[in-house]
Amino acid sequence: MKEVLKTLLILAGGGLAVWYFMRGRQAAATETTPAAAPPPSPTKDLVEAAAMQAGFPKGSLLNCDQWNYFYQQVRGIPGPDPLDVWPNRERSYQMTIEEWWTGVSAKGLSGVRTWRDPAFDAWGIRC
């Protein structure tokens, strides 16, 4: 009889310990936290703000050299050569900040987020 009681008490104690330690995990598992999106890069907004401070209204069309100038003012490094980014366009082609941003982000410009896949680089695929 003592052995049966001893075994039951051990099992009950083990069950209690499992319950005690798992209740905190169950509470944490039921709380849903939205997945954190990566923070947007503020560089694009800062480049546009620098252009606006220079007197260009929001949504202005500037050429790549002009956007690169404001980029260099913000980041301290020069932007890419327009002919490297857009080889089939005139250097004086005017574009929005979004169009410029899309082109330079494909080049992997510092401060510009890019989604390039390393597998693409390994196979020589350019996006």
N, C-alpha and C. Protein backbone atom coordinates (compact mmCIF):
# COMPACT_ATOMS: atom_id res chain seq x y z
N MET A 1 0.81 -1.19 0.00
CA MET A 1 0.00 0.00 0.00
C MET A 1 0.86 1.26 0.00
N LYS A 2 1.98 1.22 0.75
CA LYS A 2 2.86 2.37 0.81
C LYS A 2 3.48 2.66 -0.55
N GLU A 3 3.81 1.63 -1.28
CA GLU A 3 4.42 1.81 -2.60
C GLU A 3 3.43 2.45 -3.58
N VAL A 4 2.18 2.05 -3.52
CA VAL A 4 1.16 2.60 -4.42
C VAL A 4 0.93 4.07 -4.09
N LEU A 5 0.83 4.40 -2.80
CA LEU A 5 0.64 5.78 -2.38
C LEU A 5 1.83 6.64 -2.77
N LYS A 6 3.02 6.10 -2.58
CA LYS A 6 4.24 6.81 -2.95
C LYS A 6 4.27 7.09 -4.46
N THR A 7 3.90 6.12 -5.28
CA THR A 7 3.88 6.29 -6.73
C THR A 7 2.84 7.32 -7.15
N LEU A 8 1.66 7.27 -6.52
CA LEU A 8 0.62 8.24 -6.85
C LEU A 8 1.04 9.66 -6.49
N LEU A 9 1.68 9.84 -5.35
CA LEU A 9 2.15 11.16 -4.94
C LEU A 9 3.24 11.69 -5.87
N ILE A 10 4.13 10.81 -6.31
CA ILE A 10 5.18 11.22 -7.25
C ILE A 10 4.56 11.65 -8.58
N LEU A 11 3.60 10.85 -9.08
CA LEU A 11 2.94 11.20 -10.34
C LEU A 11 2.15 12.50 -10.21
N ALA A 12 1.48 12.68 -9.08
CA ALA A 12 0.71 13.91 -8.87
C ALA A 12 1.64 15.12 -8.79
N GLY A 13 2.76 14.96 -8.11
CA GLY A 13 3.74 16.05 -8.02
C GLY A 13 4.32 16.37 -9.39
N GLY A 14 4.61 15.35 -10.18
CA GLY A 14 5.11 15.58 -11.54
C GLY A 14 4.09 16.29 -12.42
N GLY A 15 2.83 15.86 -12.30
CA GLY A 15 1.77 16.50 -13.07
C GLY A 15 1.58 17.95 -12.67
N LEU A 16 1.66 18.21 -11.36
CA LEU A 16 1.55 19.57 -10.87
C LEU A 16 2.71 20.43 -11.38
N ALA A 17 3.91 19.88 -11.39
CA ALA A 17 5.08 20.63 -11.88
C ALA A 17 4.92 20.94 -13.38
N VAL A 18 4.47 19.96 -14.14
CA VAL A 18 4.27 20.19 -15.58
C VAL A 18 3.21 21.26 -15.79
N TRP A 19 2.09 21.16 -15.05
CA TRP A 19 1.04 22.16 -15.17
C TRP A 19 1.56 23.56 -14.83
N TYR A 20 2.33 23.68 -13.75
CA TYR A 20 2.84 24.97 -13.29
C TYR A 20 3.74 25.61 -14.33
N PHE A 21 4.64 24.84 -14.91
CA PHE A 21 5.59 25.41 -15.87
C PHE A 21 4.97 25.63 -17.25
N MET A 22 3.97 24.87 -17.62
CA MET A 22 3.36 25.01 -18.94
C MET A 22 2.30 26.10 -19.00
N ARG A 23 1.73 26.50 -17.87
CA ARG A 23 0.67 27.50 -17.93
C ARG A 23 1.19 28.84 -18.42
N GLY A 24 2.41 29.20 -18.11
CA GLY A 24 3.00 30.44 -18.61
C GLY A 24 3.22 30.38 -20.11
N ARG A 25 3.59 29.22 -20.63
CA ARG A 25 3.80 29.06 -22.07
C ARG A 25 2.48 29.10 -22.82
N GLN A 26 1.44 28.55 -22.26
CA GLN A 26 0.14 28.59 -22.92
C GLN A 26 -0.38 30.01 -22.99
N ALA A 27 -0.18 30.79 -21.94
CA ALA A 27 -0.62 32.18 -21.96
C ALA A 27 0.16 32.96 -23.01
N ALA A 28 1.44 32.69 -23.11
CA ALA A 28 2.26 33.40 -24.09
C ALA A 28 1.88 32.99 -25.51
N ALA A 29 1.51 31.73 -25.69
CA ALA A 29 1.15 31.24 -27.02
C ALA A 29 -0.19 31.80 -27.47
N THR A 30 -1.10 32.10 -26.54
CA THR A 30 -2.41 32.62 -26.93
C THR A 30 -2.35 34.10 -27.26
N GLU A 31 -1.39 34.82 -26.75
CA GLU A 31 -1.25 36.23 -27.08
C GLU A 31 -0.68 36.34 -28.49
N THR A 32 -1.37 37.05 -29.34
CA THR A 32 -0.89 37.19 -30.71
C THR A 32 -0.22 38.54 -30.87
N THR A 33 0.97 38.49 -31.36
CA THR A 33 1.72 39.70 -31.63
C THR A 33 1.86 39.81 -33.14
N PRO A 34 1.47 40.94 -33.72
CA PRO A 34 1.61 41.06 -35.17
C PRO A 34 3.08 41.02 -35.56
N ALA A 35 3.34 40.41 -36.71
CA ALA A 35 4.71 40.31 -37.19
C ALA A 35 5.22 41.71 -37.49
N ALA A 36 6.40 41.99 -36.98
CA ALA A 36 6.98 43.31 -37.17
C ALA A 36 7.52 43.43 -38.59
N ALA A 37 7.03 44.42 -39.30
CA ALA A 37 7.55 44.69 -40.64
C ALA A 37 8.87 45.44 -40.50
N PRO A 38 9.79 45.22 -41.42
CA PRO A 38 11.04 45.96 -41.32
C PRO A 38 10.77 47.46 -41.46
N PRO A 39 11.46 48.26 -40.69
CA PRO A 39 11.20 49.70 -40.76
C PRO A 39 11.58 50.25 -42.13
N PRO A 40 10.78 51.16 -42.64
CA PRO A 40 11.12 51.72 -43.94
C PRO A 40 12.39 52.55 -43.85
N SER A 41 13.13 52.58 -44.93
CA SER A 41 14.35 53.37 -44.95
C SER A 41 13.97 54.84 -45.07
N PRO A 42 14.43 55.67 -44.15
CA PRO A 42 14.06 57.09 -44.21
C PRO A 42 14.83 57.86 -45.25
N THR A 43 15.80 57.24 -45.90
CA THR A 43 16.67 57.96 -46.83
C THR A 43 15.88 58.59 -47.96
N LYS A 44 14.93 57.86 -48.53
CA LYS A 44 14.14 58.40 -49.65
C LYS A 44 13.42 59.66 -49.23
N ASP A 45 12.81 59.63 -48.05
CA ASP A 45 12.10 60.81 -47.55
C ASP A 45 13.06 61.95 -47.28
N LEU A 46 14.26 61.62 -46.78
CA LEU A 46 15.24 62.67 -46.51
C LEU A 46 15.76 63.29 -47.80
N VAL A 47 15.92 62.48 -48.84
CA VAL A 47 16.36 63.01 -50.13
C VAL A 47 15.29 63.95 -50.68
N GLU A 48 14.04 63.53 -50.61
CA GLU A 48 12.95 64.38 -51.09
C GLU A 48 12.86 65.66 -50.26
N ALA A 49 13.06 65.55 -48.95
CA ALA A 49 13.02 66.73 -48.08
C ALA A 49 14.14 67.70 -48.42
N ALA A 50 15.33 67.16 -48.75
CA ALA A 50 16.45 68.03 -49.13
C ALA A 50 16.13 68.76 -50.42
N ALA A 51 15.48 68.09 -51.36
CA ALA A 51 15.08 68.75 -52.61
C ALA A 51 14.05 69.84 -52.33
N MET A 52 13.13 69.56 -51.42
CA MET A 52 12.11 70.55 -51.08
C MET A 52 12.74 71.76 -50.39
N GLN A 53 13.75 71.53 -49.54
CA GLN A 53 14.44 72.64 -48.89
C GLN A 53 15.17 73.50 -49.90
N ALA A 54 15.58 72.89 -51.01
CA ALA A 54 16.28 73.64 -52.05
C ALA A 54 15.31 74.41 -52.95
N GLY A 55 14.01 74.25 -52.70
CA GLY A 55 13.03 75.02 -53.45
C GLY A 55 12.22 74.22 -54.44
N PHE A 56 12.45 72.94 -54.57
CA PHE A 56 11.65 72.11 -55.47
C PHE A 56 10.39 71.65 -54.74
N PRO A 57 9.23 71.81 -55.35
CA PRO A 57 8.00 71.36 -54.68
C PRO A 57 7.93 69.84 -54.61
N LYS A 58 7.13 69.35 -53.66
CA LYS A 58 6.94 67.90 -53.51
C LYS A 58 6.40 67.34 -54.81
N GLY A 59 6.94 66.21 -55.24
CA GLY A 59 6.52 65.57 -56.48
C GLY A 59 7.23 66.12 -57.71
N SER A 60 8.30 66.88 -57.50
CA SER A 60 9.02 67.46 -58.63
C SER A 60 9.67 66.39 -59.49
N LEU A 61 9.85 66.73 -60.76
CA LEU A 61 10.60 65.87 -61.68
C LEU A 61 12.01 66.44 -61.77
N LEU A 62 12.98 65.63 -61.38
CA LEU A 62 14.39 66.02 -61.45
C LEU A 62 15.14 64.94 -62.22
N ASN A 63 16.31 65.31 -62.76
CA ASN A 63 17.09 64.27 -63.43
C ASN A 63 17.92 63.51 -62.39
N CYS A 64 18.52 62.43 -62.83
CA CYS A 64 19.25 61.56 -61.91
C CYS A 64 20.39 62.29 -61.21
N ASP A 65 21.08 63.16 -61.93
CA ASP A 65 22.18 63.91 -61.31
C ASP A 65 21.67 64.80 -60.18
N GLN A 66 20.51 65.39 -60.36
CA GLN A 66 19.95 66.23 -59.31
C GLN A 66 19.55 65.39 -58.10
N TRP A 67 18.89 64.24 -58.33
CA TRP A 67 18.53 63.37 -57.21
C TRP A 67 19.80 62.86 -56.52
N ASN A 68 20.83 62.54 -57.31
CA ASN A 68 22.10 62.09 -56.72
C ASN A 68 22.73 63.18 -55.86
N TYR A 69 22.62 64.42 -56.29
CA TYR A 69 23.16 65.53 -55.50
C TYR A 69 22.50 65.57 -54.12
N PHE A 70 21.17 65.48 -54.09
CA PHE A 70 20.47 65.52 -52.81
C PHE A 70 20.75 64.27 -51.99
N TYR A 71 20.93 63.15 -52.67
CA TYR A 71 21.30 61.91 -51.97
C TYR A 71 22.65 62.09 -51.28
N GLN A 72 23.60 62.69 -51.99
CA GLN A 72 24.92 62.90 -51.41
C GLN A 72 24.86 63.88 -50.24
N GLN A 73 23.97 64.85 -50.30
CA GLN A 73 23.80 65.77 -49.19
C GLN A 73 23.29 65.05 -47.94
N VAL A 74 22.43 64.06 -48.15
CA VAL A 74 21.83 63.33 -47.03
C VAL A 74 22.78 62.25 -46.51
N ARG A 75 23.35 61.42 -47.39
CA ARG A 75 24.13 60.25 -46.99
C ARG A 75 25.64 60.51 -46.95
N GLY A 76 26.10 61.51 -47.68
CA GLY A 76 27.54 61.77 -47.69
C GLY A 76 28.32 60.93 -48.69
N ILE A 77 27.63 60.17 -49.51
CA ILE A 77 28.29 59.37 -50.55
C ILE A 77 27.59 59.65 -51.87
N PRO A 78 28.33 59.59 -52.98
CA PRO A 78 27.70 59.91 -54.26
C PRO A 78 26.75 58.81 -54.74
N GLY A 79 25.77 59.21 -55.52
CA GLY A 79 24.85 58.26 -56.14
C GLY A 79 25.50 57.63 -57.36
N PRO A 80 24.84 56.65 -57.96
CA PRO A 80 25.41 55.97 -59.12
C PRO A 80 25.36 56.83 -60.38
N ASP A 81 26.20 56.50 -61.32
CA ASP A 81 26.17 57.16 -62.62
C ASP A 81 24.85 56.82 -63.30
N PRO A 82 24.13 57.84 -63.81
CA PRO A 82 22.84 57.56 -64.45
C PRO A 82 22.93 56.56 -65.60
N LEU A 83 24.04 56.55 -66.31
CA LEU A 83 24.16 55.62 -67.43
C LEU A 83 24.34 54.18 -66.97
N ASP A 84 24.79 53.97 -65.73
CA ASP A 84 24.87 52.62 -65.18
C ASP A 84 23.48 52.11 -64.79
N VAL A 85 22.64 53.01 -64.34
CA VAL A 85 21.31 52.62 -63.88
C VAL A 85 20.33 52.56 -65.05
N TRP A 86 20.35 53.58 -65.89
CA TRP A 86 19.45 53.67 -67.04
C TRP A 86 20.28 53.85 -68.31
N PRO A 87 20.83 52.79 -68.87
CA PRO A 87 21.73 52.93 -70.02
C PRO A 87 21.05 53.43 -71.30
N ASN A 88 19.75 53.31 -71.42
CA ASN A 88 19.06 53.70 -72.65
C ASN A 88 18.35 55.04 -72.53
N ARG A 89 18.68 55.82 -71.54
CA ARG A 89 18.02 57.12 -71.35
C ARG A 89 19.03 58.25 -71.48
N GLU A 90 18.51 59.39 -71.86
CA GLU A 90 19.32 60.60 -71.85
C GLU A 90 19.63 60.97 -70.41
N ARG A 91 20.77 61.55 -70.20
CA ARG A 91 21.19 61.95 -68.85
C ARG A 91 20.24 63.00 -68.27
N SER A 92 19.61 63.77 -69.13
CA SER A 92 18.73 64.85 -68.68
C SER A 92 17.29 64.39 -68.44
N TYR A 93 17.01 63.10 -68.59
CA TYR A 93 15.66 62.58 -68.39
C TYR A 93 15.16 62.91 -67.00
N GLN A 94 13.98 63.50 -66.90
CA GLN A 94 13.41 63.91 -65.61
C GLN A 94 12.50 62.80 -65.07
N MET A 95 12.60 62.56 -63.76
CA MET A 95 11.84 61.48 -63.14
C MET A 95 11.41 61.88 -61.74
N THR A 96 10.45 61.14 -61.21
CA THR A 96 10.00 61.36 -59.83
C THR A 96 10.99 60.70 -58.87
N ILE A 97 10.83 61.01 -57.59
CA ILE A 97 11.69 60.38 -56.58
C ILE A 97 11.46 58.87 -56.55
N GLU A 98 10.22 58.43 -56.77
CA GLU A 98 9.92 56.99 -56.76
C GLU A 98 10.64 56.27 -57.89
N GLU A 99 10.63 56.88 -59.08
CA GLU A 99 11.31 56.26 -60.22
C GLU A 99 12.82 56.21 -59.98
N TRP A 100 13.37 57.29 -59.46
CA TRP A 100 14.81 57.32 -59.16
C TRP A 100 15.14 56.28 -58.09
N TRP A 101 14.31 56.23 -57.05
CA TRP A 101 14.54 55.30 -55.94
C TRP A 101 14.52 53.86 -56.40
N THR A 102 13.57 53.52 -57.29
CA THR A 102 13.48 52.16 -57.81
C THR A 102 14.75 51.80 -58.57
N GLY A 103 15.23 52.71 -59.38
CA GLY A 103 16.44 52.44 -60.17
C GLY A 103 17.68 52.28 -59.32
N VAL A 104 17.88 53.18 -58.36
CA VAL A 104 19.09 53.10 -57.55
C VAL A 104 19.03 51.95 -56.55
N SER A 105 17.83 51.58 -56.10
CA SER A 105 17.75 50.45 -55.17
C SER A 105 18.12 49.15 -55.88
N ALA A 106 17.85 49.07 -57.18
CA ALA A 106 18.26 47.88 -57.94
C ALA A 106 19.78 47.78 -58.02
N LYS A 107 20.46 48.92 -57.89
CA LYS A 107 21.92 48.94 -57.90
C LYS A 107 22.51 48.67 -56.51
N GLY A 108 21.66 48.60 -55.49
CA GLY A 108 22.14 48.32 -54.14
C GLY A 108 22.81 49.50 -53.50
N LEU A 109 22.35 50.70 -53.77
CA LEU A 109 22.93 51.91 -53.22
C LEU A 109 22.82 51.90 -51.70
N SER A 110 23.84 52.37 -51.02
CA SER A 110 23.86 52.39 -49.56
C SER A 110 22.70 53.22 -49.03
N GLY A 111 21.98 52.65 -48.06
CA GLY A 111 20.84 53.33 -47.49
C GLY A 111 19.55 53.02 -48.22
N VAL A 112 19.64 52.27 -49.29
CA VAL A 112 18.47 51.90 -50.08
C VAL A 112 18.28 50.41 -49.92
N ARG A 113 17.08 50.01 -49.50
CA ARG A 113 16.81 48.59 -49.32
C ARG A 113 16.61 47.94 -50.68
N THR A 114 17.12 46.73 -50.79
CA THR A 114 16.97 45.98 -52.03
C THR A 114 16.54 44.56 -51.69
N TRP A 115 15.82 43.91 -52.59
CA TRP A 115 15.32 42.56 -52.32
C TRP A 115 16.10 41.52 -53.09
N ARG A 116 17.24 41.85 -53.64
CA ARG A 116 17.99 40.94 -54.49
C ARG A 116 18.25 39.62 -53.79
N ASP A 117 18.07 38.57 -54.54
CA ASP A 117 18.28 37.22 -54.05
C ASP A 117 19.71 36.79 -54.38
N PRO A 118 20.47 36.26 -53.42
CA PRO A 118 21.83 35.82 -53.71
C PRO A 118 21.90 34.78 -54.83
N ALA A 119 20.83 33.99 -54.97
CA ALA A 119 20.83 32.99 -56.04
C ALA A 119 20.84 33.67 -57.41
N PHE A 120 20.18 34.82 -57.51
CA PHE A 120 20.20 35.55 -58.78
C PHE A 120 21.62 35.97 -59.12
N ASP A 121 22.35 36.46 -58.12
CA ASP A 121 23.73 36.87 -58.35
C ASP A 121 24.59 35.68 -58.77
N ALA A 122 24.37 34.53 -58.13
CA ALA A 122 25.17 33.35 -58.43
C ALA A 122 24.97 32.90 -59.87
N TRP A 123 23.76 33.06 -60.40
CA TRP A 123 23.46 32.63 -61.75
C TRP A 123 23.62 33.75 -62.76
N GLY A 124 23.98 34.94 -62.30
CA GLY A 124 24.17 36.07 -63.21
C GLY A 124 22.88 36.69 -63.70
N ILE A 125 21.80 36.49 -62.96
CA ILE A 125 20.50 37.06 -63.35
C ILE A 125 20.40 38.47 -62.79
N ARG A 126 20.11 39.42 -63.65
CA ARG A 126 19.96 40.80 -63.21
C ARG A 126 18.49 41.17 -63.20
N CYS A 127 18.05 41.77 -62.11
CA CYS A 127 16.63 42.18 -62.00
C CYS A 127 16.54 43.68 -62.13
